[in-house]
Each structure stands twice: as structure tokens, then as C-alpha cells.
Amino acid sequence: MKLDQNELKTIHGGEISFSVILGIGSIVSFVIGLIDGFVHPKACE
């Protein structure tokens, strides 16, 4: 059985979209920076 182009475009197969990966990565990066800011505070000069 062969699928045509329209049927191939509708198959997602459980993939994670690129925007979800970027969103999770940015949240993780923000939380790490927030924790690092509390652990290693910089004094104002």
C-alpha cells in the first residue's frame, strides 16, 4: 500500500513539535539562571 503526498503530510507519529522543545528549553534555562542568581549573587559596585 502506497500513500500519496497528502496522506504522508498528515502523519505525525508522536513527534514533539519544535516549538515545544524550545519552550521547555527556555523555561529550564530561566529556572537555572534564577537559581544561580540566588546561589551566587553579584554585589553592586
PDB file of N, CA and C in Angstrom:
ATOM      1  N   MET A   1       0.845  -1.179   0.000  1.00  0.00           N
ATOM      2  CA  MET A   1       0.000   0.000   0.000  1.00  0.00           C
ATOM      3  C   MET A   1       0.891   1.243   0.000  1.00  0.00           C
ATOM      4  N   LYS A   2       0.666   2.126  -0.960  1.00  0.00           N
ATOM      5  CA  LYS A   2       1.440   3.361  -1.041  1.00  0.00           C
ATOM      6  C   LYS A   2       0.567   4.529  -0.628  1.00  0.00           C
ATOM      7  N   LEU A   3       1.184   5.470   0.066  1.00  0.00           N
ATOM      8  CA  LEU A   3       0.474   6.674   0.489  1.00  0.00           C
ATOM      9  C   LEU A   3       0.840   7.814  -0.454  1.00  0.00           C
ATOM     10  N   ASP A   4      -0.153   8.658  -0.740  1.00  0.00           N
ATOM     11  CA  ASP A   4       0.163   9.818  -1.573  1.00  0.00           C
ATOM     12  C   ASP A   4       0.703  10.954  -0.692  1.00  0.00           C
ATOM     13  N   GLN A   5       1.077  12.051  -1.309  1.00  0.00           N
ATOM     14  CA  GLN A   5       1.728  13.151  -0.585  1.00  0.00           C
ATOM     15  C   GLN A   5       0.844  13.739   0.508  1.00  0.00           C
ATOM     16  N   ASN A   6      -0.447  13.885   0.267  1.00  0.00           N
ATOM     17  CA  ASN A   6      -1.342  14.462   1.276  1.00  0.00           C
ATOM     18  C   ASN A   6      -1.446  13.567   2.501  1.00  0.00           C
ATOM     19  N   GLU A   7      -1.488  12.257   2.286  1.00  0.00           N
ATOM     20  CA  GLU A   7      -1.557  11.329   3.415  1.00  0.00           C
ATOM     21  C   GLU A   7      -0.244  11.310   4.200  1.00  0.00           C
ATOM     22  N   LEU A   8       0.876  11.457   3.512  1.00  0.00           N
ATOM     23  CA  LEU A   8       2.155  11.483   4.195  1.00  0.00           C
ATOM     24  C   LEU A   8       2.294  12.728   5.068  1.00  0.00           C
ATOM     25  N   LYS A   9       1.721  13.850   4.612  1.00  0.00           N
ATOM     26  CA  LYS A   9       1.814  15.092   5.385  1.00  0.00           C
ATOM     27  C   LYS A   9       0.954  15.061   6.638  1.00  0.00           C
ATOM     28  N   THR A  10      -0.089  14.225   6.666  1.00  0.00           N
ATOM     29  CA  THR A  10      -0.973  14.173   7.829  1.00  0.00           C
ATOM     30  C   THR A  10      -0.461  13.225   8.910  1.00  0.00           C
ATOM     31  N   ILE A  11       0.570  12.443   8.623  1.00  0.00           N
ATOM     32  CA  ILE A  11       1.104  11.511   9.610  1.00  0.00           C
ATOM     33  C   ILE A  11       2.085  12.259  10.507  1.00  0.00           C
ATOM     34  N   HIS A  12       1.871  12.193  11.809  1.00  0.00           N
ATOM     35  CA  HIS A  12       2.762  12.846  12.750  1.00  0.00           C
ATOM     36  C   HIS A  12       3.546  11.818  13.565  1.00  0.00           C
ATOM     37  N   GLY A  13       2.996  10.713  13.881  1.00  0.00           N
ATOM     38  CA  GLY A  13       3.724   9.623  14.521  1.00  0.00           C
ATOM     39  C   GLY A  13       4.277   9.923  15.900  1.00  0.00           C
ATOM     40  N   GLY A  14       3.623  10.764  16.660  1.00  0.00           N
ATOM     41  CA  GLY A  14       4.044  11.023  18.027  1.00  0.00           C
ATOM     42  C   GLY A  14       5.254  11.923  18.161  1.00  0.00           C
ATOM     43  N   GLU A  15       5.549  12.684  17.140  1.00  0.00           N
ATOM     44  CA  GLU A  15       6.709  13.564  17.236  1.00  0.00           C
ATOM     45  C   GLU A  15       6.406  14.754  18.143  1.00  0.00           C
ATOM     46  N   ILE A  16       7.431  15.309  18.742  1.00  0.00           N
ATOM     47  CA  ILE A  16       7.286  16.505  19.556  1.00  0.00           C
ATOM     48  C   ILE A  16       7.604  17.691  18.660  1.00  0.00           C
ATOM     49  N   SER A  17       6.742  18.672  18.654  1.00  0.00           N
ATOM     50  CA  SER A  17       6.970  19.806  17.772  1.00  0.00           C
ATOM     51  C   SER A  17       8.160  20.628  18.250  1.00  0.00           C
ATOM     52  N   PHE A  18       8.773  21.333  17.327  1.00  0.00           N
ATOM     53  CA  PHE A  18       9.979  22.107  17.616  1.00  0.00           C
ATOM     54  C   PHE A  18       9.687  23.216  18.617  1.00  0.00           C
ATOM     55  N   SER A  19       8.493  23.803  18.564  1.00  0.00           N
ATOM     56  CA  SER A  19       8.160  24.886  19.494  1.00  0.00           C
ATOM     57  C   SER A  19       8.050  24.381  20.927  1.00  0.00           C
ATOM     58  N   VAL A  20       7.589  23.144  21.117  1.00  0.00           N
ATOM     59  CA  VAL A  20       7.506  22.582  22.464  1.00  0.00           C
ATOM     60  C   VAL A  20       8.911  22.385  23.027  1.00  0.00           C
ATOM     61  N   ILE A  21       9.840  21.913  22.216  1.00  0.00           N
ATOM     62  CA  ILE A  21      11.218  21.730  22.659  1.00  0.00           C
ATOM     63  C   ILE A  21      11.839  23.072  23.022  1.00  0.00           C
ATOM     64  N   LEU A  22      11.603  24.101  22.197  1.00  0.00           N
ATOM     65  CA  LEU A  22      12.132  25.429  22.500  1.00  0.00           C
ATOM     66  C   LEU A  22      11.530  25.998  23.771  1.00  0.00           C
ATOM     67  N   GLY A  23      10.225  25.789  23.965  1.00  0.00           N
ATOM     68  CA  GLY A  23       9.572  26.286  25.175  1.00  0.00           C
ATOM     69  C   GLY A  23      10.121  25.634  26.431  1.00  0.00           C
ATOM     70  N   ILE A  24      10.263  24.330  26.407  1.00  0.00           N
ATOM     71  CA  ILE A  24      10.785  23.620  27.578  1.00  0.00           C
ATOM     72  C   ILE A  24      12.240  24.026  27.830  1.00  0.00           C
ATOM     73  N   GLY A  25      13.013  24.156  26.785  1.00  0.00           N
ATOM     74  CA  GLY A  25      14.409  24.564  26.933  1.00  0.00           C
ATOM     75  C   GLY A  25      14.547  25.961  27.511  1.00  0.00           C
ATOM     76  N   SER A  26      13.690  26.883  27.075  1.00  0.00           N
ATOM     77  CA  SER A  26      13.780  28.246  27.605  1.00  0.00           C
ATOM     78  C   SER A  26      13.345  28.305  29.065  1.00  0.00           C
ATOM     79  N   ILE A  27      12.351  27.534  29.438  1.00  0.00           N
ATOM     80  CA  ILE A  27      11.907  27.510  30.837  1.00  0.00           C
ATOM     81  C   ILE A  27      12.999  26.915  31.723  1.00  0.00           C
ATOM     82  N   VAL A  28      13.611  25.829  31.284  1.00  0.00           N
ATOM     83  CA  VAL A  28      14.685  25.203  32.058  1.00  0.00           C
ATOM     84  C   VAL A  28      15.869  26.164  32.200  1.00  0.00           C
ATOM     85  N   SER A  29      16.218  26.850  31.123  1.00  0.00           N
ATOM     86  CA  SER A  29      17.320  27.809  31.168  1.00  0.00           C
ATOM     87  C   SER A  29      17.014  28.960  32.118  1.00  0.00           C
ATOM     88  N   PHE A  30      15.778  29.438  32.107  1.00  0.00           N
ATOM     89  CA  PHE A  30      15.382  30.526  33.006  1.00  0.00           C
ATOM     90  C   PHE A  30      15.454  30.090  34.468  1.00  0.00           C
ATOM     91  N   VAL A  31      14.973  28.898  34.769  1.00  0.00           N
ATOM     92  CA  VAL A  31      14.988  28.399  36.149  1.00  0.00           C
ATOM     93  C   VAL A  31      16.421  28.200  36.631  1.00  0.00           C
ATOM     94  N   ILE A  32      17.288  27.683  35.779  1.00  0.00           N
ATOM     95  CA  ILE A  32      18.693  27.505  36.165  1.00  0.00           C
ATOM     96  C   ILE A  32      19.333  28.862  36.442  1.00  0.00           C
ATOM     97  N   GLY A  33      19.060  29.855  35.606  1.00  0.00           N
ATOM     98  CA  GLY A  33      19.594  31.193  35.833  1.00  0.00           C
ATOM     99  C   GLY A  33      19.049  31.826  37.098  1.00  0.00           C
ATOM    100  N   LEU A  34      17.789  31.587  37.394  1.00  0.00           N
ATOM    101  CA  LEU A  34      17.175  32.129  38.605  1.00  0.00           C
ATOM    102  C   LEU A  34      17.812  31.517  39.851  1.00  0.00           C
ATOM    103  N   ILE A  35      17.987  30.212  39.849  1.00  0.00           N
ATOM    104  CA  ILE A  35      18.621  29.535  40.992  1.00  0.00           C
ATOM    105  C   ILE A  35      20.066  30.000  41.142  1.00  0.00           C
ATOM    106  N   ASP A  36      20.776  30.128  40.022  1.00  0.00           N
ATOM    107  CA  ASP A  36      22.165  30.580  40.071  1.00  0.00           C
ATOM    108  C   ASP A  36      22.258  32.011  40.605  1.00  0.00           C
ATOM    109  N   GLY A  37      21.276  32.839  40.307  1.00  0.00           N
ATOM    110  CA  GLY A  37      21.265  34.199  40.821  1.00  0.00           C
ATOM    111  C   GLY A  37      21.104  34.253  42.324  1.00  0.00           C
ATOM    112  N   PHE A  38      20.357  33.338  42.885  1.00  0.00           N
ATOM    113  CA  PHE A  38      20.204  33.294  44.340  1.00  0.00           C
ATOM    114  C   PHE A  38      21.421  32.667  45.022  1.00  0.00           C
ATOM    115  N   VAL A  39      22.031  31.686  44.380  1.00  0.00           N
ATOM    116  CA  VAL A  39      23.155  30.990  44.986  1.00  0.00           C
ATOM    117  C   VAL A  39      24.437  31.830  44.899  1.00  0.00           C
ATOM    118  N   HIS A  40      24.639  32.513  43.765  1.00  0.00           N
ATOM    119  CA  HIS A  40      25.839  33.322  43.560  1.00  0.00           C
ATOM    120  C   HIS A  40      25.442  34.769  43.254  1.00  0.00           C
ATOM    121  N   PRO A  41      24.999  35.515  44.259  1.00  0.00           N
ATOM    122  CA  PRO A  41      24.581  36.901  43.974  1.00  0.00           C
ATOM    123  C   PRO A  41      25.800  37.797  43.693  1.00  0.00           C
ATOM    124  N   LYS A  42      25.608  38.725  42.783  1.00  0.00           N
ATOM    125  CA  LYS A  42      26.675  39.680  42.456  1.00  0.00           C
ATOM    126  C   LYS A  42      26.429  40.971  43.247  1.00  0.00           C
ATOM    127  N   ALA A  43      27.465  41.472  43.864  1.00  0.00           N
ATOM    128  CA  ALA A  43      27.346  42.713  44.620  1.00  0.00           C
ATOM    129  C   ALA A  43      27.443  43.892  43.676  1.00  0.00           C
ATOM    130  N   CYS A  44      26.616  44.897  43.903  1.00  0.00           N
ATOM    131  CA  CYS A  44      26.667  46.104  43.087  1.00  0.00           C
ATOM    132  C   CYS A  44      27.895  46.920  43.478  1.00  0.00           C
ATOM    133  N   GLU A  45      28.606  47.427  42.488  1.00  0.00           N
ATOM    134  CA  GLU A  45      29.803  48.211  42.771  1.00  0.00           C
ATOM    135  C   GLU A  45      29.537  49.688  42.556  1.00  0.00           C
TER     136      GLU A  45
END
